[in-house]
PDB file of all heavy atoms in Angstrom:
ATOM      1  N   GLY A   1      54.811 201.839  57.319  1.00  0.00           N
ATOM      2  CA  GLY A   1      55.155 203.211  56.985  1.00  0.00           C
ATOM      3  C   GLY A   1      54.953 203.539  55.536  1.00  0.00           C
ATOM      4  O   GLY A   1      55.218 202.721  54.660  1.00  0.00           O
ATOM      5  N   GLY A   2      54.487 204.742  55.307  1.00  0.00           N
ATOM      6  CA  GLY A   2      54.331 205.226  53.946  1.00  0.00           C
ATOM      7  C   GLY A   2      53.197 204.564  53.193  1.00  0.00           C
ATOM      8  O   GLY A   2      52.308 203.947  53.769  1.00  0.00           O
ATOM      9  N   THR A   3      53.265 204.709  51.895  1.00  0.00           N
ATOM     10  CA  THR A   3      52.242 204.162  51.010  1.00  0.00           C
ATOM     11  C   THR A   3      52.791 202.912  50.311  1.00  0.00           C
ATOM     12  O   THR A   3      54.000 202.690  50.289  1.00  0.00           O
ATOM     13  CB  THR A   3      51.830 205.211  49.954  1.00  0.00           C
ATOM     14  OG1 THR A   3      52.995 205.563  49.190  1.00  0.00           O
ATOM     15  CG2 THR A   3      51.246 206.464  50.609  1.00  0.00           C
ATOM     16  N   PRO A   4      51.921 202.105  49.727  1.00  0.00           N
ATOM     17  CA  PRO A   4      52.394 200.879  49.058  1.00  0.00           C
ATOM     18  C   PRO A   4      53.437 201.132  47.967  1.00  0.00           C
ATOM     19  O   PRO A   4      54.290 200.287  47.715  1.00  0.00           O
ATOM     20  CB  PRO A   4      51.125 200.269  48.473  1.00  0.00           C
ATOM     21  CG  PRO A   4      50.047 200.728  49.394  1.00  0.00           C
ATOM     22  CD  PRO A   4      50.447 202.150  49.763  1.00  0.00           C
ATOM     23  N   ASP A   5      53.404 202.317  47.351  1.00  0.00           N
ATOM     24  CA  ASP A   5      54.382 202.613  46.295  1.00  0.00           C
ATOM     25  C   ASP A   5      55.647 203.274  46.832  1.00  0.00           C
ATOM     26  O   ASP A   5      56.491 203.722  46.065  1.00  0.00           O
ATOM     27  CB  ASP A   5      53.745 203.471  45.197  1.00  0.00           C
ATOM     28  CG  ASP A   5      53.327 204.854  45.686  1.00  0.00           C
ATOM     29  OD1 ASP A   5      53.501 205.157  46.888  1.00  0.00           O
ATOM     30  OD2 ASP A   5      52.823 205.641  44.856  1.00  0.00           O
ATOM     31  N   GLY A   6      55.779 203.343  48.173  1.00  0.00           N
ATOM     32  CA  GLY A   6      56.982 203.898  48.780  1.00  0.00           C
ATOM     33  C   GLY A   6      56.934 205.384  49.055  1.00  0.00           C
ATOM     34  O   GLY A   6      57.912 205.959  49.522  1.00  0.00           O
ATOM     35  N   GLY A   7      55.798 206.009  48.795  1.00  0.00           N
ATOM     36  CA  GLY A   7      55.677 207.445  49.033  1.00  0.00           C
ATOM     37  C   GLY A   7      55.369 207.761  50.485  1.00  0.00           C
ATOM     38  O   GLY A   7      55.218 206.874  51.325  1.00  0.00           O
ATOM     39  N   LEU A   8      55.266 209.039  50.765  1.00  0.00           N
ATOM     40  CA  LEU A   8      54.902 209.497  52.100  1.00  0.00           C
ATOM     41  C   LEU A   8      53.390 209.433  52.260  1.00  0.00           C
ATOM     42  O   LEU A   8      52.649 209.759  51.331  1.00  0.00           O
ATOM     43  CB  LEU A   8      55.386 210.934  52.332  1.00  0.00           C
ATOM     44  CG  LEU A   8      56.896 211.137  52.355  1.00  0.00           C
ATOM     45  CD1 LEU A   8      57.223 212.629  52.456  1.00  0.00           C
ATOM     46  CD2 LEU A   8      57.528 210.378  53.505  1.00  0.00           C
ATOM     47  N   GLY A   9      52.942 209.037  53.418  1.00  0.00           N
ATOM     48  CA  GLY A   9      51.511 208.938  53.700  1.00  0.00           C
ATOM     49  C   GLY A   9      51.244 207.733  54.575  1.00  0.00           C
ATOM     50  O   GLY A   9      52.161 207.139  55.136  1.00  0.00           O
ATOM     51  N   THR A  10      49.982 207.386  54.701  1.00  0.00           N
ATOM     52  CA  THR A  10      49.619 206.186  55.446  1.00  0.00           C
ATOM     53  C   THR A  10      48.724 205.318  54.574  1.00  0.00           C
ATOM     54  O   THR A  10      48.017 205.807  53.705  1.00  0.00           O
ATOM     55  CB  THR A  10      48.891 206.515  56.769  1.00  0.00           C
ATOM     56  OG1 THR A  10      47.742 207.303  56.489  1.00  0.00           O
ATOM     57  CG2 THR A  10      49.805 207.263  57.725  1.00  0.00           C
ATOM     58  N   SER A  11      48.767 204.032  54.850  1.00  0.00           N
ATOM     59  CA  SER A  11      48.025 203.069  54.052  1.00  0.00           C
ATOM     60  C   SER A  11      47.261 202.119  54.967  1.00  0.00           C
ATOM     61  O   SER A  11      47.869 201.387  55.747  1.00  0.00           O
ATOM     62  CB  SER A  11      48.996 202.262  53.174  1.00  0.00           C
ATOM     63  OG  SER A  11      48.395 201.086  52.697  1.00  0.00           O
ATOM     64  N   ALA A  12      45.945 202.144  54.856  1.00  0.00           N
ATOM     65  CA  ALA A  12      45.125 201.214  55.635  1.00  0.00           C
ATOM     66  C   ALA A  12      45.526 199.774  55.330  1.00  0.00           C
ATOM     67  O   ALA A  12      45.576 198.929  56.230  1.00  0.00           O
ATOM     68  CB  ALA A  12      43.642 201.433  55.329  1.00  0.00           C
ATOM     69  N   GLU A  13      45.852 199.495  54.094  1.00  0.00           N
ATOM     70  CA  GLU A  13      46.250 198.144  53.680  1.00  0.00           C
ATOM     71  C   GLU A  13      47.540 197.711  54.397  1.00  0.00           C
ATOM     72  O   GLU A  13      47.626 196.599  54.927  1.00  0.00           O
ATOM     73  CB  GLU A  13      46.459 198.124  52.171  1.00  0.00           C
ATOM     74  CG  GLU A  13      46.970 196.815  51.616  1.00  0.00           C
ATOM     75  CD  GLU A  13      47.232 196.920  50.116  1.00  0.00           C
ATOM     76  OE1 GLU A  13      46.412 197.527  49.390  1.00  0.00           O
ATOM     77  OE2 GLU A  13      48.269 196.389  49.684  1.00  0.00           O
ATOM     78  N   LEU A  14      48.534 198.579  54.436  1.00  0.00           N
ATOM     79  CA  LEU A  14      49.797 198.236  55.098  1.00  0.00           C
ATOM     80  C   LEU A  14      49.622 198.095  56.607  1.00  0.00           C
ATOM     81  O   LEU A  14      50.229 197.216  57.232  1.00  0.00           O
ATOM     82  CB  LEU A  14      50.866 199.286  54.789  1.00  0.00           C
ATOM     83  CG  LEU A  14      51.353 199.368  53.346  1.00  0.00           C
ATOM     84  CD1 LEU A  14      52.368 200.498  53.193  1.00  0.00           C
ATOM     85  CD2 LEU A  14      51.931 198.045  52.875  1.00  0.00           C
ATOM     86  N   ILE A  15      48.783 198.938  57.187  1.00  0.00           N
ATOM     87  CA  ILE A  15      48.531 198.866  58.628  1.00  0.00           C
ATOM     88  C   ILE A  15      47.847 197.552  58.977  1.00  0.00           C
ATOM     89  O   ILE A  15      48.245 196.854  59.920  1.00  0.00           O
ATOM     90  CB  ILE A  15      47.700 200.075  59.097  1.00  0.00           C
ATOM     91  CG1 ILE A  15      48.486 201.380  58.909  1.00  0.00           C
ATOM     92  CG2 ILE A  15      47.270 199.905  60.563  1.00  0.00           C
ATOM     93  CD1 ILE A  15      47.645 202.638  59.020  1.00  0.00           C
ATOM     94  N   ALA A  16      46.814 197.197  58.232  1.00  0.00           N
ATOM     95  CA  ALA A  16      46.084 195.954  58.496  1.00  0.00           C
ATOM     96  C   ALA A  16      46.998 194.739  58.310  1.00  0.00           C
ATOM     97  O   ALA A  16      46.969 193.801  59.114  1.00  0.00           O
ATOM     98  CB  ALA A  16      44.864 195.854  57.588  1.00  0.00           C
ATOM     99  N   GLU A  17      47.831 194.759  57.275  1.00  0.00           N
ATOM    100  CA  GLU A  17      48.756 193.653  57.036  1.00  0.00           C
ATOM    101  C   GLU A  17      49.761 193.533  58.184  1.00  0.00           C
ATOM    102  O   GLU A  17      50.039 192.431  58.666  1.00  0.00           O
ATOM    103  CB  GLU A  17      49.502 193.884  55.722  1.00  0.00           C
ATOM    104  CG  GLU A  17      50.483 192.799  55.368  1.00  0.00           C
ATOM    105  CD  GLU A  17      51.191 193.091  54.050  1.00  0.00           C
ATOM    106  OE1 GLU A  17      50.554 193.616  53.120  1.00  0.00           O
ATOM    107  OE2 GLU A  17      52.394 192.799  53.979  1.00  0.00           O
ATOM    108  N   ALA A  18      50.289 194.654  58.648  1.00  0.00           N
ATOM    109  CA  ALA A  18      51.244 194.630  59.763  1.00  0.00           C
ATOM    110  C   ALA A  18      50.584 194.095  61.027  1.00  0.00           C
ATOM    111  O   ALA A  18      51.169 193.295  61.758  1.00  0.00           O
ATOM    112  CB  ALA A  18      51.808 196.029  60.000  1.00  0.00           C
ATOM    113  N   ALA A  19      49.350 194.510  61.285  1.00  0.00           N
ATOM    114  CA  ALA A  19      48.639 194.050  62.484  1.00  0.00           C
ATOM    115  C   ALA A  19      48.402 192.546  62.433  1.00  0.00           C
ATOM    116  O   ALA A  19      48.577 191.847  63.439  1.00  0.00           O
ATOM    117  CB  ALA A  19      47.321 194.803  62.646  1.00  0.00           C
ATOM    118  N   ARG A  20      48.037 192.039  61.282  1.00  0.00           N
ATOM    119  CA  ARG A  20      47.848 190.588  61.150  1.00  0.00           C
ATOM    120  C   ARG A  20      49.172 189.841  61.354  1.00  0.00           C
ATOM    121  O   ARG A  20      49.206 188.758  61.930  1.00  0.00           O
ATOM    122  CB  ARG A  20      47.242 190.242  59.784  1.00  0.00           C
ATOM    123  CG  ARG A  20      45.774 190.622  59.656  1.00  0.00           C
ATOM    124  CD  ARG A  20      45.154 190.079  58.386  1.00  0.00           C
ATOM    125  NE  ARG A  20      45.736 190.627  57.173  1.00  0.00           N
ATOM    126  CZ  ARG A  20      45.336 191.732  56.560  1.00  0.00           C
ATOM    127  NH1 ARG A  20      44.324 192.429  57.060  1.00  0.00           N
ATOM    128  NH2 ARG A  20      45.911 192.149  55.453  1.00  0.00           N
ATOM    129  N   THR A  21      50.258 190.436  60.916  1.00  0.00           N
ATOM    130  CA  THR A  21      51.578 189.817  61.042  1.00  0.00           C
ATOM    131  C   THR A  21      52.006 189.653  62.495  1.00  0.00           C
ATOM    132  O   THR A  21      52.609 188.648  62.857  1.00  0.00           O
ATOM    133  CB  THR A  21      52.630 190.663  60.281  1.00  0.00           C
ATOM    134  OG1 THR A  21      52.267 190.711  58.900  1.00  0.00           O
ATOM    135  CG2 THR A  21      54.022 190.082  60.426  1.00  0.00           C
ATOM    136  N   VAL A  22      51.698 190.646  63.340  1.00  0.00           N
ATOM    137  CA  VAL A  22      52.161 190.596  64.742  1.00  0.00           C
ATOM    138  C   VAL A  22      51.135 190.000  65.699  1.00  0.00           C
ATOM    139  O   VAL A  22      51.446 189.764  66.857  1.00  0.00           O
ATOM    140  CB  VAL A  22      52.589 191.991  65.266  1.00  0.00           C
ATOM    141  CG1 VAL A  22      53.708 192.562  64.408  1.00  0.00           C
ATOM    142  CG2 VAL A  22      51.406 192.949  65.355  1.00  0.00           C
ATOM    143  N   ASP A  23      49.934 189.746  65.240  1.00  0.00           N
ATOM    144  CA  ASP A  23      48.874 189.237  66.115  1.00  0.00           C
ATOM    145  C   ASP A  23      49.151 187.806  66.554  1.00  0.00           C
ATOM    146  O   ASP A  23      49.316 186.913  65.722  1.00  0.00           O
ATOM    147  CB  ASP A  23      47.531 189.306  65.401  1.00  0.00           C
ATOM    148  CG  ASP A  23      46.386 188.778  66.244  1.00  0.00           C
ATOM    149  OD1 ASP A  23      46.411 188.992  67.468  1.00  0.00           O
ATOM    150  OD2 ASP A  23      45.471 188.158  65.666  1.00  0.00           O
ATOM    151  N   ARG A  24      49.233 187.623  67.869  1.00  0.00           N
ATOM    152  CA  ARG A  24      49.401 186.289  68.439  1.00  0.00           C
ATOM    153  C   ARG A  24      48.217 185.925  69.333  1.00  0.00           C
ATOM    154  O   ARG A  24      48.254 184.957  70.061  1.00  0.00           O
ATOM    155  CB  ARG A  24      50.695 186.204  69.274  1.00  0.00           C
ATOM    156  CG  ARG A  24      51.972 186.564  68.533  1.00  0.00           C
ATOM    157  CD  ARG A  24      52.327 185.530  67.474  1.00  0.00           C
ATOM    158  NE  ARG A  24      53.616 185.805  66.856  1.00  0.00           N
ATOM    159  CZ  ARG A  24      53.801 186.612  65.804  1.00  0.00           C
ATOM    160  NH1 ARG A  24      52.772 187.232  65.251  1.00  0.00           N
ATOM    161  NH2 ARG A  24      55.004 186.796  65.300  1.00  0.00           N
ATOM    162  N   GLY A  25      47.178 186.779  69.296  1.00  0.00           N
ATOM    163  CA  GLY A  25      45.981 186.525  70.078  1.00  0.00           C
ATOM    164  C   GLY A  25      45.885 187.285  71.389  1.00  0.00           C
ATOM    165  O   GLY A  25      44.885 187.181  72.094  1.00  0.00           O
ATOM    166  N   ALA A  26      46.921 188.042  71.727  1.00  0.00           N
ATOM    167  CA  ALA A  26      46.934 188.796  72.990  1.00  0.00           C
ATOM    168  C   ALA A  26      46.638 190.280  72.787  1.00  0.00           C
ATOM    169  O   ALA A  26      46.682 191.055  73.736  1.00  0.00           O
ATOM    170  CB  ALA A  26      48.294 188.643  73.672  1.00  0.00           C
ATOM    171  N   GLY A  27      46.340 190.670  71.573  1.00  0.00           N
ATOM    172  CA  GLY A  27      46.063 192.075  71.265  1.00  0.00           C
ATOM    173  C   GLY A  27      47.202 192.689  70.477  1.00  0.00           C
ATOM    174  O   GLY A  27      48.312 192.161  70.428  1.00  0.00           O
ATOM    175  N   VAL A  28      46.900 193.820  69.861  1.00  0.00           N
ATOM    176  CA  VAL A  28      47.871 194.545  69.058  1.00  0.00           C
ATOM    177  C   VAL A  28      47.818 196.013  69.455  1.00  0.00           C
ATOM    178  O   VAL A  28      46.762 196.650  69.372  1.00  0.00           O
ATOM    179  CB  VAL A  28      47.589 194.398  67.541  1.00  0.00           C
ATOM    180  CG1 VAL A  28      48.573 195.229  66.723  1.00  0.00           C
ATOM    181  CG2 VAL A  28      47.637 192.935  67.122  1.00  0.00           C
ATOM    182  N   ALA A  29      48.955 196.541  69.900  1.00  0.00           N
ATOM    183  CA  ALA A  29      49.089 197.959  70.221  1.00  0.00           C
ATOM    184  C   ALA A  29      49.573 198.671  68.968  1.00  0.00           C
ATOM    185  O   ALA A  29      50.586 198.284  68.385  1.00  0.00           O
ATOM    186  CB  ALA A  29      50.086 198.144  71.358  1.00  0.00           C
TER     187      ALA A  29
END
């Protein structure tokens, strides 16, 4: 959620990091 500095918005970097965190090989919704 939000931007890396805590603001409102979306961050491709945060999304990609979150997806890598939850990936167990069965896909990511």
